[in-house]
């Protein structure tokens, strides 16, 4: 996907939401707890098949809930940060 395509950033952030959620050992249901987001909404965000858009506020909430700096969801290269966490991006 081209970086000039608006879906590019959604795809990157969605992939990383799932990556960090699994790193924190949370289910989609647990991630949606205490928020206005349903488990289905979280599932749509993480799905490769569904092009679910979401707001900056949504990303901010998820970053707080996962205790991951918000910039790691959108930054181009996070290999250094992942290494520090003992992770790899798939």
N, C-alpha and C. Protein backbone atom coordinates (compact mmCIF):
# COMPACT_ATOMS: atom_id res chain seq x y z
N UNK A 1 0.85 -1.19 0.00
CA UNK A 1 0.00 0.00 0.00
C UNK A 1 0.89 1.24 0.00
N UNK A 2 0.48 2.24 -0.71
CA UNK A 2 1.19 3.50 -0.87
C UNK A 2 1.02 4.39 0.36
N UNK A 3 2.10 5.00 0.81
CA UNK A 3 2.05 5.89 1.98
C UNK A 3 1.16 7.10 1.76
N UNK A 4 0.87 7.45 0.50
CA UNK A 4 0.00 8.59 0.20
C UNK A 4 -1.48 8.21 0.27
N UNK A 5 -1.76 6.94 0.40
CA UNK A 5 -3.14 6.45 0.53
C UNK A 5 -3.56 6.58 1.99
N UNK A 6 -4.68 7.21 2.25
CA UNK A 6 -5.13 7.45 3.62
C UNK A 6 -5.30 6.15 4.40
N UNK A 7 -5.62 5.07 3.71
CA UNK A 7 -5.80 3.78 4.40
C UNK A 7 -4.48 3.22 4.94
N UNK A 8 -3.37 3.72 4.43
CA UNK A 8 -2.06 3.24 4.84
C UNK A 8 -1.86 3.39 6.35
N UNK A 9 -2.18 4.55 6.89
CA UNK A 9 -1.95 4.79 8.32
C UNK A 9 -2.93 3.98 9.17
N UNK A 10 -4.16 3.80 8.67
CA UNK A 10 -5.11 2.96 9.40
C UNK A 10 -4.62 1.52 9.45
N UNK A 11 -4.09 1.05 8.33
CA UNK A 11 -3.59 -0.34 8.27
C UNK A 11 -2.43 -0.53 9.24
N UNK A 12 -1.51 0.42 9.27
CA UNK A 12 -0.36 0.33 10.18
C UNK A 12 -0.82 0.35 11.62
N UNK A 13 -1.66 1.32 11.97
CA UNK A 13 -2.13 1.43 13.35
C UNK A 13 -2.94 0.21 13.76
N UNK A 14 -3.78 -0.28 12.88
CA UNK A 14 -4.61 -1.45 13.18
C UNK A 14 -3.75 -2.67 13.48
N UNK A 15 -2.75 -2.87 12.66
CA UNK A 15 -1.84 -4.01 12.84
C UNK A 15 -1.12 -3.91 14.19
N UNK A 16 -0.73 -2.72 14.54
CA UNK A 16 0.00 -2.52 15.80
C UNK A 16 -0.91 -2.58 17.01
N UNK A 17 -2.16 -2.16 16.87
CA UNK A 17 -3.11 -2.31 17.96
C UNK A 17 -3.21 -3.80 18.33
N UNK A 18 -3.38 -4.62 17.33
CA UNK A 18 -3.47 -6.07 17.57
C UNK A 18 -2.17 -6.60 18.16
N UNK A 19 -1.03 -6.19 17.61
CA UNK A 19 0.27 -6.62 18.10
C UNK A 19 0.44 -6.29 19.58
N UNK A 20 0.18 -5.04 19.96
CA UNK A 20 0.38 -4.62 21.34
C UNK A 20 -0.70 -5.19 22.28
N UNK A 21 -1.91 -5.38 21.77
CA UNK A 21 -2.96 -5.99 22.60
C UNK A 21 -2.54 -7.41 22.98
N UNK A 22 -2.04 -8.15 22.00
CA UNK A 22 -1.59 -9.51 22.28
C UNK A 22 -0.36 -9.51 23.19
N UNK A 23 0.52 -8.55 23.02
CA UNK A 23 1.69 -8.42 23.88
C UNK A 23 1.25 -8.21 25.34
N UNK A 24 0.21 -7.44 25.53
CA UNK A 24 -0.31 -7.18 26.88
C UNK A 24 -1.24 -8.30 27.36
N UNK A 25 -1.43 -9.31 26.50
CA UNK A 25 -2.25 -10.48 26.83
C UNK A 25 -3.69 -10.10 27.18
N UNK A 26 -4.25 -9.20 26.38
CA UNK A 26 -5.64 -8.78 26.54
C UNK A 26 -6.47 -9.31 25.38
N UNK A 27 -7.71 -9.65 25.68
CA UNK A 27 -8.65 -10.00 24.63
C UNK A 27 -9.25 -8.71 24.07
N UNK A 28 -9.93 -8.82 22.95
CA UNK A 28 -10.64 -7.65 22.42
C UNK A 28 -11.68 -7.18 23.41
N UNK A 29 -12.34 -8.12 24.07
CA UNK A 29 -13.36 -7.79 25.08
C UNK A 29 -12.73 -7.00 26.23
N UNK A 30 -11.58 -7.45 26.71
CA UNK A 30 -10.90 -6.74 27.80
C UNK A 30 -10.47 -5.35 27.37
N UNK A 31 -10.01 -5.21 26.14
CA UNK A 31 -9.59 -3.90 25.64
C UNK A 31 -10.78 -2.95 25.55
N UNK A 32 -11.94 -3.47 25.22
CA UNK A 32 -13.11 -2.61 25.09
C UNK A 32 -13.75 -2.27 26.44
N UNK A 33 -13.39 -3.00 27.50
CA UNK A 33 -13.95 -2.75 28.82
C UNK A 33 -13.63 -1.33 29.28
N UNK A 34 -14.59 -0.74 29.97
CA UNK A 34 -14.45 0.63 30.50
C UNK A 34 -14.35 1.68 29.41
N UNK A 35 -14.80 1.35 28.22
CA UNK A 35 -14.80 2.33 27.14
C UNK A 35 -16.17 2.34 26.48
N UNK A 36 -16.32 3.21 25.54
CA UNK A 36 -17.57 3.25 24.76
C UNK A 36 -17.45 2.39 23.51
N UNK A 37 -16.35 1.67 23.37
CA UNK A 37 -16.10 0.85 22.19
C UNK A 37 -16.55 -0.58 22.44
N UNK A 38 -17.22 -1.14 21.48
CA UNK A 38 -17.65 -2.53 21.60
C UNK A 38 -16.51 -3.46 21.19
N UNK A 39 -16.63 -4.72 21.56
CA UNK A 39 -15.66 -5.72 21.13
C UNK A 39 -15.66 -5.82 19.61
N UNK A 40 -16.85 -5.71 19.02
CA UNK A 40 -16.97 -5.76 17.57
C UNK A 40 -16.22 -4.63 16.87
N UNK A 41 -16.26 -3.45 17.47
CA UNK A 41 -15.54 -2.30 16.92
C UNK A 41 -14.03 -2.57 16.96
N UNK A 42 -13.55 -3.09 18.08
CA UNK A 42 -12.14 -3.43 18.22
C UNK A 42 -11.77 -4.50 17.18
N UNK A 43 -12.65 -5.49 17.04
CA UNK A 43 -12.41 -6.56 16.05
C UNK A 43 -12.32 -5.98 14.64
N UNK A 44 -13.22 -5.05 14.31
CA UNK A 44 -13.19 -4.42 12.99
C UNK A 44 -11.91 -3.62 12.77
N UNK A 45 -11.45 -2.93 13.81
CA UNK A 45 -10.21 -2.17 13.70
C UNK A 45 -9.05 -3.12 13.38
N UNK A 46 -9.01 -4.25 14.05
CA UNK A 46 -7.90 -5.18 13.90
C UNK A 46 -7.99 -6.05 12.64
N UNK A 47 -9.15 -6.14 12.04
CA UNK A 47 -9.37 -7.02 10.90
C UNK A 47 -8.68 -6.52 9.64
N UNK A 48 -8.06 -7.45 8.92
CA UNK A 48 -7.46 -7.12 7.62
C UNK A 48 -8.53 -6.96 6.56
N UNK A 49 -9.67 -7.61 6.77
CA UNK A 49 -10.76 -7.60 5.78
C UNK A 49 -11.61 -6.34 5.87
N UNK A 50 -11.74 -5.80 7.06
CA UNK A 50 -12.60 -4.64 7.29
C UNK A 50 -11.75 -3.37 7.30
N UNK A 51 -12.15 -2.39 6.55
CA UNK A 51 -11.45 -1.10 6.53
C UNK A 51 -12.15 -0.17 7.52
N UNK A 52 -11.94 -0.41 8.81
CA UNK A 52 -12.59 0.37 9.86
C UNK A 52 -11.76 1.60 10.17
N UNK A 53 -12.32 2.76 9.97
CA UNK A 53 -11.62 3.98 10.37
C UNK A 53 -11.92 4.24 11.85
N UNK A 54 -11.08 5.04 12.47
CA UNK A 54 -11.26 5.37 13.88
C UNK A 54 -10.61 6.72 14.14
N UNK A 55 -10.99 7.32 15.23
CA UNK A 55 -10.53 8.67 15.53
C UNK A 55 -9.20 8.65 16.29
N UNK A 56 -8.60 9.80 16.34
CA UNK A 56 -7.39 9.98 17.14
C UNK A 56 -7.71 9.73 18.60
N UNK A 57 -8.91 10.10 19.03
CA UNK A 57 -9.34 9.85 20.40
C UNK A 57 -9.39 8.35 20.70
N UNK A 58 -9.86 7.58 19.74
CA UNK A 58 -9.89 6.12 19.89
C UNK A 58 -8.48 5.59 20.05
N UNK A 59 -7.58 6.02 19.20
CA UNK A 59 -6.19 5.57 19.27
C UNK A 59 -5.56 5.99 20.60
N UNK A 60 -5.87 7.18 21.06
CA UNK A 60 -5.35 7.67 22.34
C UNK A 60 -5.82 6.78 23.48
N UNK A 61 -7.13 6.46 23.50
CA UNK A 61 -7.67 5.60 24.54
C UNK A 61 -6.97 4.24 24.52
N UNK A 62 -6.83 3.66 23.35
CA UNK A 62 -6.20 2.34 23.22
C UNK A 62 -4.76 2.40 23.69
N UNK A 63 -4.05 3.46 23.34
CA UNK A 63 -2.65 3.58 23.78
C UNK A 63 -2.56 3.66 25.30
N UNK A 64 -3.50 4.37 25.92
CA UNK A 64 -3.52 4.44 27.39
C UNK A 64 -3.83 3.08 28.00
N UNK A 65 -4.84 2.42 27.47
CA UNK A 65 -5.27 1.12 27.99
C UNK A 65 -4.15 0.08 27.85
N UNK A 66 -3.38 0.14 26.76
CA UNK A 66 -2.29 -0.80 26.54
C UNK A 66 -0.96 -0.34 27.14
N UNK A 67 -0.94 0.89 27.64
CA UNK A 67 0.27 1.48 28.21
C UNK A 67 1.42 1.44 27.19
N UNK A 68 1.09 1.89 25.99
CA UNK A 68 2.05 1.98 24.88
C UNK A 68 1.98 3.42 24.36
N UNK A 69 3.13 4.10 24.20
CA UNK A 69 3.09 5.47 23.68
C UNK A 69 2.36 5.53 22.33
N UNK A 70 1.51 6.51 22.18
CA UNK A 70 0.66 6.62 20.99
C UNK A 70 1.47 6.68 19.69
N UNK A 71 2.64 7.26 19.74
CA UNK A 71 3.42 7.39 18.51
C UNK A 71 3.87 6.03 17.96
N UNK A 72 3.93 5.01 18.80
CA UNK A 72 4.36 3.69 18.32
C UNK A 72 3.32 3.03 17.42
N UNK A 73 2.10 3.53 17.44
CA UNK A 73 1.06 2.99 16.56
C UNK A 73 1.17 3.54 15.13
N UNK A 74 1.85 4.66 14.98
CA UNK A 74 1.91 5.29 13.66
C UNK A 74 3.33 5.53 13.13
N UNK A 75 4.31 5.51 14.00
CA UNK A 75 5.70 5.74 13.60
C UNK A 75 6.13 4.70 12.58
N UNK A 76 6.90 5.13 11.60
CA UNK A 76 7.29 4.24 10.51
C UNK A 76 8.14 3.07 11.00
N UNK A 77 9.22 3.34 11.68
CA UNK A 77 10.12 2.27 12.14
C UNK A 77 10.13 2.22 13.66
N UNK A 78 9.61 1.13 14.19
CA UNK A 78 9.59 0.96 15.65
C UNK A 78 10.43 -0.25 16.07
N UNK A 79 11.34 -0.67 15.21
CA UNK A 79 12.14 -1.86 15.51
C UNK A 79 12.94 -1.70 16.81
N UNK A 80 13.47 -0.53 17.07
CA UNK A 80 14.24 -0.29 18.29
C UNK A 80 13.34 -0.45 19.52
N UNK A 81 12.16 0.15 19.47
CA UNK A 81 11.23 0.08 20.59
C UNK A 81 10.74 -1.35 20.81
N UNK A 82 10.48 -2.06 19.72
CA UNK A 82 10.03 -3.45 19.84
C UNK A 82 11.13 -4.32 20.45
N UNK A 83 12.36 -4.07 20.05
CA UNK A 83 13.48 -4.83 20.60
C UNK A 83 13.58 -4.61 22.11
N UNK A 84 13.37 -3.36 22.53
CA UNK A 84 13.41 -3.05 23.96
C UNK A 84 12.31 -3.78 24.73
N UNK A 85 11.17 -4.03 24.06
CA UNK A 85 10.06 -4.75 24.66
C UNK A 85 10.20 -6.27 24.50
N UNK A 86 11.23 -6.69 23.77
CA UNK A 86 11.42 -8.11 23.51
C UNK A 86 10.42 -8.66 22.51
N UNK A 87 10.07 -7.82 21.53
CA UNK A 87 9.05 -8.17 20.55
C UNK A 87 9.60 -8.04 19.13
N UNK A 88 8.83 -8.59 18.18
CA UNK A 88 9.09 -8.42 16.76
C UNK A 88 7.78 -8.03 16.09
N UNK A 89 7.86 -7.18 15.08
CA UNK A 89 6.66 -6.86 14.30
C UNK A 89 6.53 -7.90 13.21
N UNK A 90 5.33 -8.44 13.10
CA UNK A 90 5.07 -9.51 12.13
C UNK A 90 4.56 -8.95 10.85
